């Protein structure tokens, strides 16, 4: 199997459409298109899910010094958190990724 980097794909795409670079919105659309194609191929091949998007509620932690921290649903089913968004990024175009760090992940 041949591996092609994202940069190579993007460069070939920009060359094919006759521009030097993509605007931010165009690159976002290009990435979504690639993700949709990969997700479709993955599903058609009936391969297992790599990640699950799980929506959880968050609540502020009032105890100092963590007065700016949040608690995720008191969930026991969270093993790895790879990213946090204010909305589901697969269904909401206006979703914004939030920075985070994990504390007390026992």
Protein backbone atom coordinates (compact mmCIF):
# COMPACT_ATOMS: atom_id res chain seq x y z
CA UNK A 1 0.00 0.00 0.00
CA UNK A 2 1.28 3.45 -0.87
CA UNK A 3 1.23 6.15 1.79
CA UNK A 4 0.49 9.75 0.79
CA UNK A 5 0.92 12.59 3.26
CA UNK A 6 -1.74 15.22 3.88
CA UNK A 7 0.63 17.89 2.56
CA UNK A 8 1.11 15.99 -0.71
CA UNK A 9 -2.67 15.61 -1.11
CA UNK A 10 -3.24 19.29 -0.39
CA UNK A 11 -0.49 20.34 -2.82
CA UNK A 12 -1.91 18.16 -5.59
CA UNK A 13 -5.39 19.54 -4.92
CA UNK A 14 -4.28 23.19 -4.99
CA UNK A 15 -2.34 22.50 -8.19
CA UNK A 16 -5.35 20.80 -9.77
CA UNK A 17 -7.66 23.74 -9.05
CA UNK A 18 -5.00 26.25 -10.14
CA UNK A 19 -4.27 28.17 -6.93
CA UNK A 20 -1.11 28.68 -4.89
CA UNK A 21 -2.72 28.08 -1.50
CA UNK A 22 -6.08 27.44 0.11
CA UNK A 23 -8.01 29.92 2.19
CA UNK A 24 -8.81 28.73 5.72
CA UNK A 25 -12.42 27.92 4.84
CA UNK A 26 -11.32 26.04 1.71
CA UNK A 27 -8.79 23.98 3.66
CA UNK A 28 -11.42 23.17 6.28
CA UNK A 29 -13.77 21.98 3.53
CA UNK A 30 -10.92 19.94 1.97
CA UNK A 31 -10.17 18.25 5.33
CA UNK A 32 -13.84 17.47 5.91
CA UNK A 33 -14.09 15.99 2.44
CA UNK A 34 -11.08 13.74 3.11
CA UNK A 35 -12.48 12.71 6.49
CA UNK A 36 -15.87 11.89 4.97
CA UNK A 37 -14.24 9.72 2.28
CA UNK A 38 -12.06 7.89 4.81
CA UNK A 39 -14.99 7.40 7.20
CA UNK A 40 -17.11 6.05 4.32
CA UNK A 41 -14.41 3.59 3.22
CA UNK A 42 -13.89 2.51 6.82
CA UNK A 43 -17.61 1.88 7.28
CA UNK A 44 -18.01 0.03 3.97
CA UNK A 45 -15.11 -2.23 4.95
CA UNK A 46 -16.84 -2.90 8.30
CA UNK A 47 -13.68 -2.12 10.22
CA UNK A 48 -14.12 -1.34 13.93
CA UNK A 49 -14.48 2.21 15.19
CA UNK A 50 -11.20 3.83 16.18
CA UNK A 51 -12.72 6.48 18.41
CA UNK A 52 -16.12 7.27 19.77
CA UNK A 53 -17.50 10.77 20.01
CA UNK A 54 -19.15 10.95 23.40
CA UNK A 55 -21.16 13.93 24.52
CA UNK A 56 -20.80 14.62 28.25
CA UNK A 57 -22.04 17.39 30.49
CA UNK A 58 -19.50 19.41 32.39
CA UNK A 59 -19.87 21.14 35.74
CA UNK A 60 -17.62 23.65 37.45
CA UNK A 61 -15.49 22.41 40.32
CA UNK A 62 -15.91 24.85 43.20
CA UNK A 63 -13.08 23.66 45.45
CA UNK A 64 -9.89 25.75 45.38
CA UNK A 65 -7.40 25.69 43.75
CA UNK A 66 -9.47 24.15 40.97
CA UNK A 67 -12.07 26.92 40.85
CA UNK A 68 -11.62 27.17 37.07
CA UNK A 69 -11.76 23.41 36.47
CA UNK A 70 -14.68 21.29 35.34
CA UNK A 71 -15.81 17.78 36.11
CA UNK A 72 -16.89 15.56 33.22
CA UNK A 73 -20.18 13.90 34.13
CA UNK A 74 -18.57 11.90 36.98
CA UNK A 75 -18.03 9.42 34.14
CA UNK A 76 -16.34 6.10 34.76
CA UNK A 77 -16.38 5.19 31.06
CA UNK A 78 -13.84 7.81 29.95
CA UNK A 79 -10.42 6.27 29.45
CA UNK A 80 -8.72 8.69 27.06
CA UNK A 81 -9.82 12.20 26.19
CA UNK A 82 -8.27 13.31 22.93
CA UNK A 83 -10.09 16.58 22.44
CA UNK A 84 -12.83 18.69 23.99
CA UNK A 85 -15.30 20.70 21.93
CA UNK A 86 -18.09 23.08 22.90
CA UNK A 87 -20.41 21.20 20.46
CA UNK A 88 -20.24 17.95 18.51
CA UNK A 89 -17.81 18.70 15.64
CA UNK A 90 -19.40 16.05 13.39
CA UNK A 91 -22.82 17.68 13.51
CA UNK A 92 -22.16 21.37 14.23
CA UNK A 93 -20.15 23.48 11.79
CA UNK A 94 -19.68 26.15 14.48
CA UNK A 95 -18.02 23.73 16.96
CA UNK A 96 -14.90 25.12 18.65
CA UNK A 97 -12.16 22.94 20.12
CA UNK A 98 -11.22 23.81 23.71
CA UNK A 99 -7.81 23.40 25.32
CA UNK A 100 -7.75 21.13 28.37
CA UNK A 101 -5.57 19.17 30.76
CA UNK A 102 -6.57 16.21 32.87
CA UNK A 103 -6.28 16.23 36.67
CA UNK A 104 -7.05 13.29 38.99
CA UNK A 105 -7.70 10.76 36.24
CA UNK A 106 -7.81 7.71 38.49
